Protein backbone atom coordinates (compact mmCIF):
# COMPACT_ATOMS: atom_id res chain seq x y z
CA MET A 1 73.26 171.24 93.07
CA GLY A 2 69.51 170.81 92.75
CA ASP A 3 66.88 170.58 95.45
CA VAL A 4 66.04 167.38 97.32
CA TYR A 5 62.49 166.16 97.85
CA VAL A 6 60.66 163.69 100.06
CA VAL A 7 58.55 161.64 97.64
CA GLY A 8 57.58 158.74 99.88
CA ILE A 9 57.18 158.48 103.64
CA ASP A 10 55.55 156.27 106.25
CA MET A 11 55.70 155.30 109.91
CA THR A 12 54.40 152.40 111.92
CA LYS A 13 51.85 152.84 114.66
CA PHE A 14 53.95 153.26 117.78
CA GLN A 15 53.38 150.53 120.36
CA LYS A 16 54.34 149.56 123.88
CA ALA A 17 58.06 149.00 124.34
CA GLY A 18 59.10 145.40 123.90
CA THR A 19 55.87 144.27 122.24
CA GLY A 20 56.66 144.95 118.59
CA PRO A 21 58.28 142.60 116.09
CA ALA A 22 62.05 142.18 115.67
CA VAL A 23 63.91 145.37 114.81
CA ASP A 24 64.56 144.39 111.19
CA VAL A 25 60.92 143.42 110.63
CA LEU A 26 59.80 146.68 112.24
CA GLY A 27 62.13 148.72 110.05
CA ALA A 28 61.10 146.81 106.94
CA LYS A 29 57.44 147.63 107.57
CA ALA A 30 58.07 151.39 107.50
CA ALA A 31 60.46 151.06 104.56
CA LEU A 32 57.91 149.18 102.46
CA GLY A 33 55.27 151.73 103.43
CA ALA A 34 57.46 154.61 102.25
CA LEU A 35 58.18 152.81 98.96
CA ASP A 36 54.49 152.11 98.43
CA ASP A 37 53.70 155.76 99.15
CA CYS A 38 55.61 156.81 96.03
CA GLY A 39 55.05 153.71 93.91
CA LEU A 40 58.69 152.60 93.91
CA LYS A 41 60.51 149.38 94.81
CA ILE A 42 63.69 148.62 96.71
CA GLN A 43 65.34 147.99 93.33
CA ASP A 44 64.87 151.72 92.61
CA MET A 45 66.92 152.75 95.66
CA GLN A 46 70.60 153.59 95.22
CA ALA A 47 71.55 153.66 98.92
CA LEU A 48 70.08 153.01 102.37
CA TYR A 49 70.71 155.10 105.48
CA CYS A 50 69.54 153.45 108.68
CA GLY A 51 69.26 155.06 112.11
CA ASN A 52 69.18 152.83 115.17
CA LEU A 53 70.64 153.17 118.66
CA TYR A 54 70.06 150.20 120.97
CA GLN A 55 70.61 147.48 118.36
CA ALA A 56 73.28 149.41 116.46
CA SER A 57 75.91 146.66 116.70
CA GLY A 58 73.69 144.37 114.64
CA MET A 59 73.98 146.08 111.21
CA VAL A 60 70.27 146.84 111.24
CA GLY A 61 70.23 148.42 107.78
CA GLN A 62 71.54 145.26 106.14
CA ARG A 63 69.05 143.18 108.10
CA ILE A 64 66.20 145.37 106.85
CA LEU A 65 67.35 144.69 103.29
CA GLN A 66 67.24 140.98 104.03
CA GLN A 67 63.53 141.50 104.64
CA ILE A 68 62.71 143.62 101.59
CA GLY A 69 65.37 142.76 99.00
CA GLN A 70 69.17 142.66 98.93
CA THR A 71 70.22 144.58 95.84
CA GLY A 72 73.87 145.29 96.65
CA ILE A 73 73.41 148.99 97.41
CA PRO A 74 75.59 150.74 99.99
CA VAL A 75 74.18 150.74 103.52
CA VAL A 76 75.16 153.29 106.16
CA ASN A 77 74.16 152.64 109.79
CA VAL A 78 74.17 155.64 112.14
CA ALA A 79 73.68 156.12 115.89
CA ASN A 80 73.46 159.65 117.30
CA ALA A 81 71.41 159.50 120.52
CA CYS A 82 67.88 160.94 120.12
CA ALA A 83 68.97 162.60 116.86
CA THR A 84 69.66 159.21 115.24
CA GLY A 85 66.73 159.21 112.81
CA ALA A 86 67.30 162.82 111.82
CA THR A 87 70.96 161.98 111.19
CA ALA A 88 70.05 159.09 108.88
CA PHE A 89 67.69 161.38 106.98
CA ARG A 90 70.32 164.10 106.73
CA GLU A 91 72.95 161.66 105.45
CA GLY A 92 70.56 160.61 102.70
CA TRP A 93 69.74 164.25 101.92
CA ALA A 94 73.43 165.15 101.73
CA ALA A 95 74.21 162.29 99.34
CA VAL A 96 71.41 163.30 96.96
CA LYS A 97 72.26 167.01 97.32
CA ALA A 98 75.87 166.24 96.41
CA GLY A 99 74.81 164.37 93.30
CA LEU A 100 76.04 160.94 94.40
CA TYR A 101 72.57 159.44 94.02
CA ASP A 102 69.15 160.38 92.69
CA THR A 103 67.05 158.20 94.99
CA VAL A 104 67.79 156.91 98.49
CA LEU A 105 65.91 155.37 101.40
CA ALA A 106 66.27 156.60 105.00
CA VAL A 107 64.93 154.44 107.83
CA GLY A 108 64.80 155.06 111.57
CA VAL A 109 63.85 152.20 113.87
CA GLU A 110 64.04 151.33 117.56
CA LYS A 111 63.12 148.57 119.94
CA MET A 112 62.92 150.13 123.39
CA SER A 113 62.75 148.79 126.93
CA ALA A 114 60.37 149.81 129.70
CA GLY A 115 61.39 152.57 132.08
CA LEU A 116 62.25 156.26 132.02
CA LEU A 117 64.45 157.78 129.35
CA GLY A 118 67.81 158.26 131.03
CA GLY A 119 66.53 156.95 134.32
CA GLY A 120 68.70 153.86 134.43
CA GLY A 121 67.38 150.35 134.93
CA SER A 122 65.93 148.39 132.04
CA GLY A 123 65.33 151.26 129.64
CA GLY A 124 67.53 154.15 130.75
CA ILE A 125 70.46 155.74 129.00
CA SER A 126 73.25 156.36 131.44
CA LYS A 127 75.09 159.66 131.03
CA GLU A 128 77.90 158.69 133.36
CA GLY A 129 81.24 159.50 131.84
CA LEU A 130 79.75 162.60 130.21
CA PHE A 131 77.97 164.32 133.08
CA GLY A 132 78.71 162.22 136.15
CA SER A 133 75.52 160.71 137.57
CA SER A 134 73.11 163.05 135.80
CA THR A 135 70.15 161.53 133.96
CA MET A 136 67.68 162.93 131.51
CA PRO A 137 64.88 163.54 134.06
CA ALA A 138 67.33 165.49 136.19
CA VAL A 139 68.74 167.41 133.23
CA PHE A 140 65.35 168.65 132.06
CA ALA A 141 64.07 169.26 135.58
CA GLU A 142 67.05 171.52 136.21
CA ALA A 143 66.54 173.28 132.88
CA GLY A 144 62.88 173.90 133.69
CA MET A 145 63.69 175.27 137.14
CA GLU A 146 66.29 177.62 135.64
CA HIS A 147 63.64 178.91 133.21
CA SER A 148 61.29 179.43 136.16
CA ARG A 149 63.98 181.32 138.04
CA LYS A 150 64.68 183.65 135.11
CA TYR A 151 61.16 184.17 133.77
CA GLY A 152 58.68 183.04 136.40
CA THR A 153 57.42 180.05 134.38
CA THR A 154 55.04 178.04 136.54
CA PHE A 155 54.45 174.35 137.22
CA GLU A 156 51.00 174.78 135.69
CA GLN A 157 52.41 176.20 132.45
CA PHE A 158 54.78 173.26 132.08
CA ALA A 159 51.90 170.87 132.77
CA LYS A 160 49.75 172.53 130.08
CA VAL A 161 52.23 171.25 127.48
CA SER A 162 51.28 167.70 128.37
CA VAL A 163 47.56 168.52 128.34
CA LYS A 164 47.96 169.99 124.83
CA ASN A 165 50.02 167.16 123.39
CA HIS A 166 47.82 164.42 124.82
CA HIS A 167 44.80 166.17 123.34
CA HIS A 168 46.52 166.32 119.95
CA SER A 169 47.25 162.60 120.16
CA THR A 170 43.54 161.78 120.23
CA LEU A 171 43.50 162.88 116.58
CA ASN A 172 46.48 160.72 115.57
CA PRO A 173 45.78 157.01 114.97
CA LYS A 174 49.53 156.23 114.88
CA ALA A 175 50.16 157.59 118.41
CA MET A 176 50.87 155.17 121.24
CA TYR A 177 48.46 156.93 123.60
CA GLN A 178 45.30 158.60 122.35
CA ILE A 179 43.88 159.89 125.61
CA GLU A 180 42.95 163.19 127.20
CA THR A 181 44.87 164.15 130.34
CA PRO A 182 43.21 167.10 132.14
CA LEU A 183 45.43 169.58 133.92
CA ASP A 184 44.69 168.28 137.41
CA MET A 185 45.55 164.74 136.28
CA VAL A 186 48.90 165.87 134.86
CA MET A 187 49.82 167.95 137.90
CA GLY A 188 48.70 165.23 140.30
CA ALA A 189 50.59 162.39 138.63
CA GLU A 190 53.63 160.77 140.22
CA MET A 191 56.47 163.28 140.48
CA ILE A 192 59.56 162.13 138.59
CA ALA A 193 61.82 165.19 138.86
CA TYR A 194 60.15 168.50 139.68
CA PRO A 195 58.51 170.05 137.77
CA ASN A 196 58.04 167.01 135.49
CA THR A 197 55.45 164.48 136.62
CA LYS A 198 55.13 161.07 135.00
CA LEU A 199 52.60 162.42 132.48
CA MET A 200 55.12 165.10 131.50
CA CYS A 201 57.77 162.56 130.45
CA SER A 202 58.12 160.97 127.01
CA VAL A 203 57.05 157.37 126.65
CA ASN A 204 59.37 154.59 125.45
CA VAL A 205 57.82 152.73 122.51
CA ASP A 206 58.74 150.43 119.64
CA GLY A 207 58.45 152.10 116.27
CA SER A 208 59.87 152.84 112.85
CA ALA A 209 59.63 155.52 110.16
CA ALA A 210 61.09 155.76 106.68
CA ALA A 211 61.44 158.28 103.85
CA VAL A 212 62.36 158.14 100.17
CA LEU A 213 64.52 161.11 99.15
CA MET A 214 64.89 162.08 95.50
CA SER A 215 66.69 164.65 93.37
CA GLU A 216 64.73 167.34 91.58
CA LYS A 217 65.79 165.89 88.23
CA LYS A 218 64.44 162.44 89.12
CA VAL A 219 61.20 163.84 90.56
CA LYS A 220 60.52 165.53 87.22
CA GLU A 221 61.53 162.44 85.25
CA LEU A 222 59.13 160.20 87.17
CA GLY A 223 56.33 162.77 87.42
CA LEU A 224 56.23 162.64 91.24
CA GLY A 225 55.96 166.38 91.84
CA LYS A 226 52.32 166.44 92.92
CA ARG A 227 52.98 165.01 96.41
CA ALA A 228 56.69 165.75 96.67
CA VAL A 229 57.80 167.96 99.57
CA LYS A 230 60.97 170.04 99.27
CA VAL A 231 63.69 169.88 101.93
CA ARG A 232 64.50 173.58 102.28
CA ALA A 233 67.05 173.09 105.07
CA SER A 234 68.88 170.23 106.75
CA VAL A 235 71.16 171.15 109.65
CA MET A 236 73.06 169.21 112.30
CA THR A 237 74.99 170.84 115.15
CA SER A 238 76.79 169.87 118.32
CA ASP A 239 77.23 171.92 121.46
CA PRO A 240 80.38 174.09 121.85
CA TRP A 241 80.87 173.01 125.46
CA GLN A 242 84.34 174.45 125.71
CA GLU A 243 82.75 177.87 126.02
CA ARG A 244 81.20 177.06 129.38
CA ASP A 245 81.84 175.33 132.68
CA LEU A 246 79.15 172.65 132.75
CA VAL A 247 77.69 171.09 135.84
CA MET A 248 74.67 169.90 133.86
CA PRO A 249 74.52 169.70 130.05
CA ASP A 250 73.13 172.77 128.34
CA VAL A 251 69.91 171.88 126.49
CA ASN A 252 69.59 175.17 124.61
CA THR A 253 72.78 176.18 122.82
CA CYS A 254 73.04 173.63 120.02
CA THR A 255 69.32 174.06 119.20
CA ARG A 256 69.74 177.81 118.88
CA LEU A 257 72.79 177.29 116.69
CA ALA A 258 70.94 174.80 114.47
CA ALA A 259 67.85 177.01 114.21
CA LYS A 260 69.94 179.99 113.10
CA GLN A 261 71.65 177.93 110.42
CA ALA A 262 68.40 176.31 109.26
CA TYR A 263 66.56 179.61 108.79
CA GLU A 264 69.56 180.98 106.88
CA MET A 265 69.72 177.90 104.65
CA ALA A 266 65.98 177.98 103.98
CA GLY A 267 65.96 181.72 103.36
CA ILE A 268 63.02 182.25 105.71
CA GLY A 269 62.45 183.24 109.34
CA ALA A 270 60.71 181.72 112.32
CA ASP A 271 57.60 183.79 111.56
CA ASP A 272 57.18 181.87 108.27
CA ILE A 273 56.86 178.46 109.96
CA ASP A 274 53.32 177.06 109.98
CA LEU A 275 53.82 174.01 112.22
CA ILE A 276 56.56 172.42 114.29
CA GLU A 277 57.35 168.93 115.53
CA LEU A 278 59.91 169.45 118.27
CA HIS A 279 61.70 167.30 120.80
CA ASP A 280 59.36 167.27 123.81
CA CYS A 281 61.20 164.52 125.69
CA PHE A 282 59.89 166.28 128.80
CA ALA A 283 57.27 169.02 129.10
CA THR A 284 59.91 171.45 130.30
CA ALA A 285 61.88 170.85 127.10
CA GLU A 286 59.02 171.96 124.86
CA ILE A 287 58.70 175.28 126.70
CA LEU A 288 62.43 175.93 126.32
CA HIS A 289 62.43 175.10 122.63
CA TYR A 290 59.73 177.66 121.79
CA GLU A 291 62.38 180.23 122.58
CA ASN A 292 65.32 178.23 121.20
CA LEU A 293 63.58 177.91 117.83
CA GLY A 294 62.71 181.61 117.78
CA ILE A 295 58.92 181.36 117.67
CA CYS A 296 58.80 183.73 120.63
CA LYS A 297 61.20 185.96 122.53
CA ASP A 298 63.05 184.75 125.61
CA GLY A 299 60.72 184.70 128.58
CA GLU A 300 57.53 184.54 126.48
CA ALA A 301 57.18 180.74 126.22
CA GLY A 302 54.77 180.54 129.15
CA LYS A 303 52.50 183.00 127.39
CA MET A 304 52.58 180.85 124.24
CA ILE A 305 51.15 177.86 126.09
CA ASP A 306 48.66 179.96 128.09
CA THR A 307 47.16 181.64 125.01
CA GLY A 308 46.90 178.51 122.88
CA ALA A 309 49.27 179.91 120.24
CA VAL A 310 51.02 176.52 120.00
CA ALA A 311 47.86 174.38 119.95
CA LEU A 312 46.05 173.13 116.86
CA GLY A 313 44.27 176.19 115.44
CA GLY A 314 46.81 178.54 117.03
CA LYS A 315 49.47 180.75 115.44
CA VAL A 316 52.09 178.00 115.13
CA PRO A 317 50.84 174.56 116.22
CA VAL A 318 53.49 172.47 117.95
CA ASN A 319 53.48 168.67 118.19
CA VAL A 320 50.10 168.13 116.58
CA SER A 321 51.10 164.46 116.37
CA GLY A 322 50.93 164.21 120.16
CA GLY A 323 54.68 164.60 120.42
CA LEU A 324 57.05 162.36 122.30
CA LEU A 325 54.88 162.79 125.40
CA SER A 326 51.97 160.92 123.82
CA LYS A 327 52.85 159.63 120.36
CA GLY A 328 55.97 158.04 121.88
CA HIS A 329 59.74 158.19 121.53
CA PRO A 330 61.48 155.27 119.78
CA LEU A 331 64.88 156.97 119.77
CA GLY A 332 66.19 155.91 116.36
CA ALA A 333 62.85 156.53 114.65
CA THR A 334 61.79 159.84 116.19
CA GLY A 335 63.60 162.16 113.77
CA ILE A 336 61.98 160.63 110.68
CA ALA A 337 58.62 160.23 112.44
CA ASN A 338 58.63 163.99 113.03
CA ILE A 339 59.29 164.50 109.33
CA PHE A 340 56.42 162.11 108.51
CA GLU A 341 54.06 164.30 110.53
CA VAL A 342 55.10 167.53 108.85
CA VAL A 343 55.06 166.02 105.35
CA THR A 344 51.54 164.69 106.00
CA HIS A 345 50.32 168.20 106.85
CA LEU A 346 52.09 169.84 103.91
CA ARG A 347 50.37 167.34 101.63
CA GLY A 348 47.02 168.15 103.25
CA GLU A 349 46.57 164.55 104.36
CA ALA A 350 46.47 164.88 108.16
CA GLY A 351 42.72 164.47 108.56
CA LYS A 352 41.19 165.82 111.77
CA ARG A 353 44.48 167.25 112.97
CA GLN A 354 45.30 169.04 109.70
CA VAL A 355 47.01 172.42 110.02
CA GLU A 356 45.16 174.28 107.32
CA GLY A 357 47.13 176.15 104.69
CA ALA A 358 50.50 174.90 105.91
CA ARG A 359 53.39 175.73 103.57
CA PHE A 360 56.47 175.51 105.80
CA GLY A 361 57.05 172.98 108.58
CA LEU A 362 60.00 172.51 110.91
CA THR A 363 61.21 169.38 112.68
CA HIS A 364 63.63 169.34 115.60
CA VAL A 365 65.36 166.68 117.65
CA ILE A 366 68.15 166.90 120.15
CA GLY A 367 70.35 164.14 121.51
CA LEU A 368 72.33 165.20 124.53
CA GLY A 369 75.91 164.31 124.18
CA SER A 370 75.16 166.27 121.92
CA ALA A 371 73.48 166.50 118.52
CA CYS A 372 70.69 168.70 117.23
CA GLY A 373 68.97 168.06 113.91
CA ILE A 374 66.60 170.57 112.30
CA HIS A 375 64.81 170.19 108.98
CA ILE A 376 62.62 172.76 107.25
CA LEU A 377 60.20 171.36 104.69
CA GLU A 378 58.13 173.17 102.08
CA LYS A 379 54.92 172.41 100.23
CA VAL A 380 55.54 173.13 96.55
CA ALA A 381 52.65 171.61 94.58
């Protein structure tokens, strides 16, 4: 089995929830952008993998093809909570890796509603039936407070994550918000679930991202190696809940399991990673995932944010795109949007936010319920 490469990739500018075009039109825009990025057409694709959550009953992948060309290829629609886009990408990767196809298209797209992620109402995702009345703000508030109890992590350290990511977003023209949020503004914002204020919660947006995946043989045949990025690892895990009595869902275990497998598959360690796009659905989540992904030891995450190690120019920049806190979080698109960001840096095409000399990048998403997707990408040209 040969290696698999990303040869084309694109994402739409994320925009206010409910204001974008229809879901199929939105997905088609990113798909056409990814095809243009590598100079291919829909007729060159052998399969389509589409990730979408809220409109999943509507065969979104087939509807995207109605917009860009119905060629009779197989279409697989997937829904996997916040890991939906990463799942679509991984399904495409697995098919190429297995030798079923040489070239496939993966699309993630979402039309969101206003409101808090998991907060109920017009835009929330109810977790009743899985965790009683728990919601995402409560889950990640509890996780943050547990980290504070164990390691002394402060409200200010959690808030600094939002300051960092909003600053990064000012360098990203595709981010929903491109604004600075000083520390006092973040800490003084409306409290949603302590220690997460409103400015420490991800923003619901409409958006889409797409990637063209290709076998090594086909990359060489078409001469696309110059901008191709190798997928060194693609891992998906779920949480072994049976090992614990859960009052609230654990937000750490399946990430740690996925990270271990991803580093083993890639043949590298956490110290080799040059940049990370991780699932900062809440500011507390980002702090936890520094440790879950192994970029620091347990209890050292607060120090990472205090010293600037995870900011642009630091040891391992995290969420240079602005992250979910500022770029936005269209659930079905987020996994591929994270890959778009890392690929852009590995190609040296990130402009003012470029992580210089980046060779390895990691993307991470987690959908509670639960699914964690991690991809490690490598610059090869």
